[in-house]
C-alpha cells in the first residue's frame, strides 16, 4: 500500500475515534455530576449495632445528602456532639421532624399511629425488650435506631435530650445501595479516554505515513533516476 493511502486511512480512523471518545468523556462527566460519584466516601463498619444489615468489617459507600432528602428507613452516618465520644456511627432513620414515634412494648415500633414493618431488624428471642418510649420528633431533627436493637445505643437511651433526637445537620451521609451501575460513569470515561488517545495516535501515524522523505521523492520523480 502506498504511504499516502495508508496515511489517509489512519487519519480517517482518527477523525472517527476522537469525536466518539470526546463524546463519551462528556457523557461520563455528566454522569459523575448526576450520580454524585465525587461526593462519596468509603467507610468500614466497626460495631454490631447495625447487624445484620451492616456487619463488622464490611465496606460501605456513604454519599452526601441534603437534610431535605433524608427519608424514613435511610441508614445514615451521623456524628452527634456529646455522644459516642465524637465518633461517627451508623443508625437507621425511624422518625423525621414532626413524627410521633412510640414503642409500647419496647420491641414493636409505630410511627404516626401505624406499626412499621422492620424486616431489617435482628431478632433475638433471648434478648430483653428495650425501653418503652412515646415521643414527638422536633422539627429539623431525626429519631434514630440501630438494626440490632439489643446492642444499639441509639435514640431510645437519650430521651431526655430533645426526645432522643439528633439534628438532621449532624448527618454526614447516607449509605448508598451498592450497585454495578454506580460505576458506569467512571467506566465510560475510561473508555472514552482510551478512544481519544487511540485516535490521536492514529492521527499522528497517518500524518507521518503520508509524508515521504525528500530524497525518496527526488530519486523517483526527478528527471534522472539512479541506475
C-alpha atoms as a PDB file:
ATOM      1  CA  UNK A   1       0.000   0.000   0.000  1.00  0.00           C
ATOM      2  CA  UNK A   2       1.321   3.435  -0.872  1.00  0.00           C
ATOM      3  CA  UNK A   3       2.262   5.668   2.080  1.00  0.00           C
ATOM      4  CA  UNK A   4      -0.302   8.329   1.165  1.00  0.00           C
ATOM      5  CA  UNK A   5      -3.128   5.808   1.077  1.00  0.00           C
ATOM      6  CA  UNK A   6      -2.021   4.292   4.377  1.00  0.00           C
ATOM      7  CA  UNK A   7      -1.794   7.750   5.923  1.00  0.00           C
ATOM      8  CA  UNK A   8      -5.255   8.643   4.660  1.00  0.00           C
ATOM      9  CA  UNK A   9      -6.781   5.521   6.250  1.00  0.00           C
ATOM     10  CA  UNK A  10      -5.185   6.263   9.595  1.00  0.00           C
ATOM     11  CA  UNK A  11      -6.386   9.866   9.502  1.00  0.00           C
ATOM     12  CA  UNK A  12      -9.938   8.789   8.693  1.00  0.00           C
ATOM     13  CA  UNK A  13      -9.878   6.414  11.666  1.00  0.00           C
ATOM     14  CA  UNK A  14      -8.617   9.262  13.850  1.00  0.00           C
ATOM     15  CA  UNK A  15     -11.416  11.561  12.653  1.00  0.00           C
ATOM     16  CA  UNK A  16     -13.920   8.915  13.787  1.00  0.00           C
ATOM     17  CA  UNK A  17     -12.368   7.844  17.083  1.00  0.00           C
ATOM     18  CA  UNK A  18     -11.503  11.251  18.516  1.00  0.00           C
ATOM     19  CA  UNK A  19     -15.050  12.727  18.330  1.00  0.00           C
ATOM     20  CA  UNK A  20     -16.542   9.484  19.670  1.00  0.00           C
ATOM     21  CA  UNK A  21     -14.048   9.422  22.546  1.00  0.00           C
ATOM     22  CA  UNK A  22     -14.678  13.064  23.436  1.00  0.00           C
ATOM     23  CA  UNK A  23     -18.430  12.476  23.355  1.00  0.00           C
ATOM     24  CA  UNK A  24     -18.061   9.572  25.782  1.00  0.00           C
ATOM     25  CA  UNK A  25     -15.891  11.696  28.059  1.00  0.00           C
ATOM     26  CA  UNK A  26     -18.532  14.436  28.149  1.00  0.00           C
ATOM     27  CA  UNK A  27     -21.225  11.837  28.885  1.00  0.00           C
ATOM     28  CA  UNK A  28     -19.126  10.422  31.712  1.00  0.00           C
ATOM     29  CA  UNK A  29     -18.617  13.879  33.196  1.00  0.00           C
ATOM     30  CA  UNK A  30     -22.361  14.483  33.131  1.00  0.00           C
ATOM     31  CA  UNK A  31     -22.967  11.082  34.740  1.00  0.00           C
ATOM     32  CA  UNK A  32     -20.467  11.775  37.502  1.00  0.00           C
ATOM     33  CA  UNK A  33     -22.182  15.073  38.247  1.00  0.00           C
ATOM     34  CA  UNK A  34     -25.639  13.493  38.211  1.00  0.00           C
ATOM     35  CA  UNK A  35     -24.827  10.454  40.360  1.00  0.00           C
ATOM     36  CA  UNK A  36     -22.530  12.281  42.755  1.00  0.00           C
ATOM     37  CA  UNK A  37     -19.589   9.895  42.398  1.00  0.00           C
ATOM     38  CA  UNK A  38     -17.250  12.570  43.755  1.00  0.00           C
ATOM     39  CA  UNK A  39     -19.440  13.255  46.815  1.00  0.00           C
ATOM     40  CA  UNK A  40     -18.883   9.858  48.402  1.00  0.00           C
ATOM     41  CA  UNK A  41     -16.609   8.246  50.929  1.00  0.00           C
ATOM     42  CA  UNK A  42     -15.812   4.662  51.826  1.00  0.00           C
ATOM     43  CA  UNK A  43     -16.151   3.505  55.420  1.00  0.00           C
ATOM     44  CA  UNK A  44     -15.609   0.206  57.227  1.00  0.00           C
ATOM     45  CA  UNK A  45     -18.240  -0.962  59.700  1.00  0.00           C
ATOM     46  CA  UNK A  46     -16.710  -1.330  63.144  1.00  0.00           C
ATOM     47  CA  UNK A  47     -19.561  -2.249  65.502  1.00  0.00           C
ATOM     48  CA  UNK A  48     -22.509  -4.619  65.831  1.00  0.00           C
ATOM     49  CA  UNK A  49     -25.291  -2.056  66.240  1.00  0.00           C
ATOM     50  CA  UNK A  50     -26.446  -2.268  62.609  1.00  0.00           C
ATOM     51  CA  UNK A  51     -26.350  -6.043  62.170  1.00  0.00           C
ATOM     52  CA  UNK A  52     -27.487  -7.862  60.122  1.00  0.00           C
ATOM     53  CA  UNK A  53     -27.701  -5.019  57.574  1.00  0.00           C
ATOM     54  CA  UNK A  54     -24.145  -3.797  58.131  1.00  0.00           C
ATOM     55  CA  UNK A  55     -21.816  -6.441  59.503  1.00  0.00           C
ATOM     56  CA  UNK A  56     -18.460  -5.569  61.124  1.00  0.00           C
ATOM     57  CA  UNK A  57     -15.657  -5.332  58.601  1.00  0.00           C
ATOM     58  CA  UNK A  58     -17.958  -4.640  55.668  1.00  0.00           C
ATOM     59  CA  UNK A  59     -17.053  -1.668  53.490  1.00  0.00           C
ATOM     60  CA  UNK A  60     -19.832   0.740  52.594  1.00  0.00           C
ATOM     61  CA  UNK A  61     -20.207   3.747  50.339  1.00  0.00           C
ATOM     62  CA  UNK A  62     -21.636   6.822  52.018  1.00  0.00           C
ATOM     63  CA  UNK A  63     -22.955   9.653  49.844  1.00  0.00           C
ATOM     64  CA  UNK A  64     -23.569  13.198  50.926  1.00  0.00           C
ATOM     65  CA  UNK A  65     -27.223  14.051  51.265  1.00  0.00           C
ATOM     66  CA  UNK A  66     -29.123  17.272  51.873  1.00  0.00           C
ATOM     67  CA  UNK A  67     -31.240  17.418  55.007  1.00  0.00           C
ATOM     68  CA  UNK A  68     -34.411  17.688  52.921  1.00  0.00           C
ATOM     69  CA  UNK A  69     -33.543  14.442  51.107  1.00  0.00           C
ATOM     70  CA  UNK A  70     -33.353  12.257  54.225  1.00  0.00           C
ATOM     71  CA  UNK A  71     -36.172   9.697  54.340  1.00  0.00           C
ATOM     72  CA  UNK A  72     -37.501   7.220  56.885  1.00  0.00           C
ATOM     73  CA  UNK A  73     -35.665   3.930  56.544  1.00  0.00           C
ATOM     74  CA  UNK A  74     -32.396   5.515  55.393  1.00  0.00           C
ATOM     75  CA  UNK A  75     -29.220   4.213  57.017  1.00  0.00           C
ATOM     76  CA  UNK A  76     -27.143   7.277  57.809  1.00  0.00           C
ATOM     77  CA  UNK A  77     -23.695   8.049  59.127  1.00  0.00           C
ATOM     78  CA  UNK A  78     -24.122  10.582  61.886  1.00  0.00           C
ATOM     79  CA  UNK A  79     -21.754  12.400  64.233  1.00  0.00           C
ATOM     80  CA  UNK A  80     -23.605  13.698  67.281  1.00  0.00           C
ATOM     81  CA  UNK A  81     -21.882  16.243  69.537  1.00  0.00           C
ATOM     82  CA  UNK A  82     -21.622  14.860  73.057  1.00  0.00           C
ATOM     83  CA  UNK A  83     -22.420  11.259  72.083  1.00  0.00           C
ATOM     84  CA  UNK A  84     -20.288   8.247  71.240  1.00  0.00           C
ATOM     85  CA  UNK A  85     -17.080  10.064  72.077  1.00  0.00           C
ATOM     86  CA  UNK A  86     -17.432  12.207  68.974  1.00  0.00           C
ATOM     87  CA  UNK A  87     -17.118   9.185  66.674  1.00  0.00           C
ATOM     88  CA  UNK A  88     -19.472   8.805  63.683  1.00  0.00           C
ATOM     89  CA  UNK A  89     -21.983   5.954  63.935  1.00  0.00           C
ATOM     90  CA  UNK A  90     -24.394   4.190  61.604  1.00  0.00           C
ATOM     91  CA  UNK A  91     -28.083   4.258  62.521  1.00  0.00           C
ATOM     92  CA  UNK A  92     -31.421   3.990  60.752  1.00  0.00           C
ATOM     93  CA  UNK A  93     -33.861   6.873  60.398  1.00  0.00           C
ATOM     94  CA  UNK A  94     -37.156   5.933  62.055  1.00  0.00           C
ATOM     95  CA  UNK A  95     -38.797   9.321  62.528  1.00  0.00           C
ATOM     96  CA  UNK A  96     -38.494  12.731  60.882  1.00  0.00           C
ATOM     97  CA  UNK A  97     -39.316  16.130  62.314  1.00  0.00           C
ATOM     98  CA  UNK A  98     -42.958  16.228  63.428  1.00  0.00           C
ATOM     99  CA  UNK A  99     -43.382  12.420  63.525  1.00  0.00           C
ATOM    100  CA  UNK A 100     -44.900  10.704  66.535  1.00  0.00           C
ATOM    101  CA  UNK A 101     -42.775   7.645  67.356  1.00  0.00           C
ATOM    102  CA  UNK A 102     -43.698   5.144  70.039  1.00  0.00           C
ATOM    103  CA  UNK A 103     -43.000   1.650  71.293  1.00  0.00           C
ATOM    104  CA  UNK A 104     -45.402   0.385  73.939  1.00  0.00           C
ATOM    105  CA  UNK A 105     -43.630  -2.928  74.498  1.00  0.00           C
ATOM    106  CA  UNK A 106     -40.034  -1.938  73.791  1.00  0.00           C
ATOM    107  CA  UNK A 107     -39.979  -4.068  70.643  1.00  0.00           C
ATOM    108  CA  UNK A 108     -42.561  -3.045  68.087  1.00  0.00           C
ATOM    109  CA  UNK A 109     -42.363   0.492  66.715  1.00  0.00           C
ATOM    110  CA  UNK A 110     -45.206   2.711  65.499  1.00  0.00           C
ATOM    111  CA  UNK A 111     -44.832   5.940  63.557  1.00  0.00           C
ATOM    112  CA  UNK A 112     -47.778   8.333  63.457  1.00  0.00           C
ATOM    113  CA  UNK A 113     -50.056   5.659  64.849  1.00  0.00           C
ATOM    114  CA  UNK A 114     -49.115   2.881  62.416  1.00  0.00           C
ATOM    115  CA  UNK A 115     -46.853  -0.034  63.329  1.00  0.00           C
ATOM    116  CA  UNK A 116     -43.996  -0.221  60.845  1.00  0.00           C
ATOM    117  CA  UNK A 117     -42.659  -3.380  59.244  1.00  0.00           C
ATOM    118  CA  UNK A 118     -38.981  -3.852  60.066  1.00  0.00           C
ATOM    119  CA  UNK A 119     -37.575  -6.882  58.214  1.00  0.00           C
ATOM    120  CA  UNK A 120     -34.064  -5.485  58.683  1.00  0.00           C
ATOM    121  CA  UNK A 121     -34.085  -5.821  62.493  1.00  0.00           C
ATOM    122  CA  UNK A 122     -32.010  -8.586  64.077  1.00  0.00           C
ATOM    123  CA  UNK A 123     -34.462 -10.525  66.236  1.00  0.00           C
ATOM    124  CA  UNK A 124     -33.091 -12.221  69.325  1.00  0.00           C
ATOM    125  CA  UNK A 125     -35.697 -14.166  71.250  1.00  0.00           C
ATOM    126  CA  UNK A 126     -33.408 -14.350  74.282  1.00  0.00           C
ATOM    127  CA  UNK A 127     -32.787 -10.592  74.439  1.00  0.00           C
ATOM    128  CA  UNK A 128     -34.704  -8.389  76.850  1.00  0.00           C
ATOM    129  CA  UNK A 129     -37.154  -5.868  75.458  1.00  0.00           C
ATOM    130  CA  UNK A 130     -35.761  -2.386  75.073  1.00  0.00           C
ATOM    131  CA  UNK A 131     -37.046   0.763  76.778  1.00  0.00           C
ATOM    132  CA  UNK A 132     -40.534   1.997  76.013  1.00  0.00           C
ATOM    133  CA  UNK A 133     -40.954   5.457  74.571  1.00  0.00           C
ATOM    134  CA  UNK A 134     -43.565   7.830  73.230  1.00  0.00           C
ATOM    135  CA  UNK A 135     -42.085  10.933  71.617  1.00  0.00           C
ATOM    136  CA  UNK A 136     -42.726  13.567  69.003  1.00  0.00           C
ATOM    137  CA  UNK A 137     -39.618  14.345  66.970  1.00  0.00           C
ATOM    138  CA  UNK A 138     -38.787  18.085  66.949  1.00  0.00           C
ATOM    139  CA  UNK A 139     -38.643  19.809  63.574  1.00  0.00           C
ATOM    140  CA  UNK A 140     -35.270  19.599  61.875  1.00  0.00           C
ATOM    141  CA  UNK A 141     -34.318  16.519  63.867  1.00  0.00           C
ATOM    142  CA  UNK A 142     -34.342  12.728  63.489  1.00  0.00           C
ATOM    143  CA  UNK A 143     -35.183   9.737  65.674  1.00  0.00           C
ATOM    144  CA  UNK A 144     -32.612   7.003  65.005  1.00  0.00           C
ATOM    145  CA  UNK A 145     -32.441   3.320  65.938  1.00  0.00           C
ATOM    146  CA  UNK A 146     -29.925   0.559  65.296  1.00  0.00           C
ATOM    147  CA  UNK A 147     -30.989  -2.615  63.496  1.00  0.00           C
ATOM    148  CA  UNK A 148     -29.552  -4.772  66.283  1.00  0.00           C
ATOM    149  CA  UNK A 149     -31.816  -3.339  68.946  1.00  0.00           C
ATOM    150  CA  UNK A 150     -30.318  -5.401  71.769  1.00  0.00           C
ATOM    151  CA  UNK A 151     -26.861  -3.962  71.065  1.00  0.00           C
ATOM    152  CA  UNK A 152     -27.589  -0.435  69.805  1.00  0.00           C
ATOM    153  CA  UNK A 153     -27.032   2.704  71.874  1.00  0.00           C
ATOM    154  CA  UNK A 154     -29.489   4.848  69.937  1.00  0.00           C
ATOM    155  CA  UNK A 155     -32.214   7.471  70.425  1.00  0.00           C
ATOM    156  CA  UNK A 156     -34.026   5.274  72.974  1.00  0.00           C
ATOM    157  CA  UNK A 157     -31.285   5.936  75.514  1.00  0.00           C
ATOM    158  CA  UNK A 158     -31.168   9.720  75.142  1.00  0.00           C
ATOM    159  CA  UNK A 159     -34.866  10.515  75.572  1.00  0.00           C
ATOM    160  CA  UNK A 160     -34.037  13.333  77.974  1.00  0.00           C
ATOM    161  CA  UNK A 161     -32.192  15.151  75.190  1.00  0.00           C
ATOM    162  CA  UNK A 162     -34.914  16.512  72.933  1.00  0.00           C
ATOM    163  CA  UNK A 163     -36.728  13.171  72.870  1.00  0.00           C
ATOM    164  CA  UNK A 164     -33.545  11.340  71.937  1.00  0.00           C
ATOM    165  CA  UNK A 165     -33.439  13.005  68.534  1.00  0.00           C
ATOM    166  CA  UNK A 166     -30.402  14.264  66.655  1.00  0.00           C
ATOM    167  CA  UNK A 167     -30.120  17.265  64.368  1.00  0.00           C
ATOM    168  CA  UNK A 168     -30.519  16.440  60.687  1.00  0.00           C
ATOM    169  CA  UNK A 169     -27.445  18.614  60.121  1.00  0.00           C
ATOM    170  CA  UNK A 170     -25.399  16.054  62.092  1.00  0.00           C
ATOM    171  CA  UNK A 171     -25.819  13.529  59.271  1.00  0.00           C
ATOM    172  CA  UNK A 172     -22.578  13.136  57.330  1.00  0.00           C
ATOM    173  CA  UNK A 173     -24.075  10.948  54.630  1.00  0.00           C
ATOM    174  CA  UNK A 174     -26.429   8.161  53.645  1.00  0.00           C
ATOM    175  CA  UNK A 175     -25.352   4.594  52.949  1.00  0.00           C
ATOM    176  CA  UNK A 176     -25.720   4.001  49.244  1.00  0.00           C
ATOM    177  CA  UNK A 177     -27.111   0.790  47.863  1.00  0.00           C
ATOM    178  CA  UNK A 178     -24.153  -0.880  46.173  1.00  0.00           C
ATOM    179  CA  UNK A 179     -24.938  -1.444  42.508  1.00  0.00           C
ATOM    180  CA  UNK A 180     -22.760  -2.082  39.491  1.00  0.00           C
ATOM    181  CA  UNK A 181     -24.458   0.783  37.685  1.00  0.00           C
ATOM    182  CA  UNK A 182     -22.975   3.233  40.166  1.00  0.00           C
ATOM    183  CA  UNK A 183     -19.584   2.837  38.494  1.00  0.00           C
ATOM    184  CA  UNK A 184     -20.760   3.290  34.918  1.00  0.00           C
ATOM    185  CA  UNK A 185     -19.637   6.949  34.610  1.00  0.00           C
ATOM    186  CA  UNK A 186     -16.069   6.010  35.523  1.00  0.00           C
ATOM    187  CA  UNK A 187     -16.017   3.058  33.112  1.00  0.00           C
ATOM    188  CA  UNK A 188     -17.499   5.187  30.345  1.00  0.00           C
ATOM    189  CA  UNK A 189     -14.956   7.922  30.955  1.00  0.00           C
ATOM    190  CA  UNK A 190     -12.069   5.458  30.850  1.00  0.00           C
ATOM    191  CA  UNK A 191     -13.315   4.010  27.556  1.00  0.00           C
ATOM    192  CA  UNK A 192     -13.773   7.483  26.104  1.00  0.00           C
ATOM    193  CA  UNK A 193     -10.244   8.479  27.129  1.00  0.00           C
ATOM    194  CA  UNK A 194      -8.875   5.305  25.534  1.00  0.00           C
ATOM    195  CA  UNK A 195     -10.643   6.003  22.230  1.00  0.00           C
ATOM    196  CA  UNK A 196      -9.477   9.614  22.255  1.00  0.00           C
ATOM    197  CA  UNK A 197      -5.854   8.666  22.839  1.00  0.00           C
ATOM    198  CA  UNK A 198      -6.047   5.936  20.212  1.00  0.00           C
ATOM    199  CA  UNK A 199      -7.496   8.408  17.742  1.00  0.00           C
ATOM    200  CA  UNK A 200      -4.736  10.904  18.438  1.00  0.00           C
ATOM    201  CA  UNK A 201      -2.119   8.204  17.954  1.00  0.00           C
ATOM    202  CA  UNK A 202      -3.643   7.112  14.656  1.00  0.00           C
ATOM    203  CA  UNK A 203      -3.830  10.705  13.524  1.00  0.00           C
ATOM    204  CA  UNK A 204      -0.140  11.250  14.204  1.00  0.00           C
ATOM    205  CA  UNK A 205       0.688   7.976  12.498  1.00  0.00           C
ATOM    206  CA  UNK A 206      -1.393   8.948   9.468  1.00  0.00           C
ATOM    207  CA  UNK A 207       0.339  12.294   9.217  1.00  0.00           C
ATOM    208  CA  UNK A 208       3.777  10.702   9.331  1.00  0.00           C
ATOM    209  CA  UNK A 209       2.838   7.920   6.906  1.00  0.00           C
ATOM    210  CA  UNK A 210       1.564  10.451   4.399  1.00  0.00           C
ATOM    211  CA  UNK A 211       4.906  12.209   4.263  1.00  0.00           C
ATOM    212  CA  UNK A 212       7.761  10.773   2.209  1.00  0.00           C
ATOM    213  CA  UNK A 213      11.365  11.819   2.602  1.00  0.00           C
ATOM    214  CA  UNK A 214      12.562  14.364   0.028  1.00  0.00           C
ATOM    215  CA  UNK A 215      15.417  12.115  -1.038  1.00  0.00           C
ATOM    216  CA  UNK A 216      12.941   9.372  -1.957  1.00  0.00           C
ATOM    217  CA  UNK A 217      10.862  11.854  -3.945  1.00  0.00           C
ATOM    218  CA  UNK A 218      13.903  13.084  -5.821  1.00  0.00           C
ATOM    219  CA  UNK A 219      15.013   9.558  -6.636  1.00  0.00           C
ATOM    220  CA  UNK A 220      11.662   8.506  -8.103  1.00  0.00           C
ATOM    221  CA  UNK A 221      10.218  11.680  -9.638  1.00  0.00           C
ATOM    222  CA  UNK A 222      13.268  13.690 -10.788  1.00  0.00           C
ATOM    223  CA  UNK A 223      14.424  13.938 -14.472  1.00  0.00           C
ATOM    224  CA  UNK A 224      17.194  11.471 -13.784  1.00  0.00           C
ATOM    225  CA  UNK A 225      16.920   8.192 -11.910  1.00  0.00           C
ATOM    226  CA  UNK A 226      19.678   6.435 -10.095  1.00  0.00           C
ATOM    227  CA  UNK A 227      20.787   3.342 -12.014  1.00  0.00           C
END
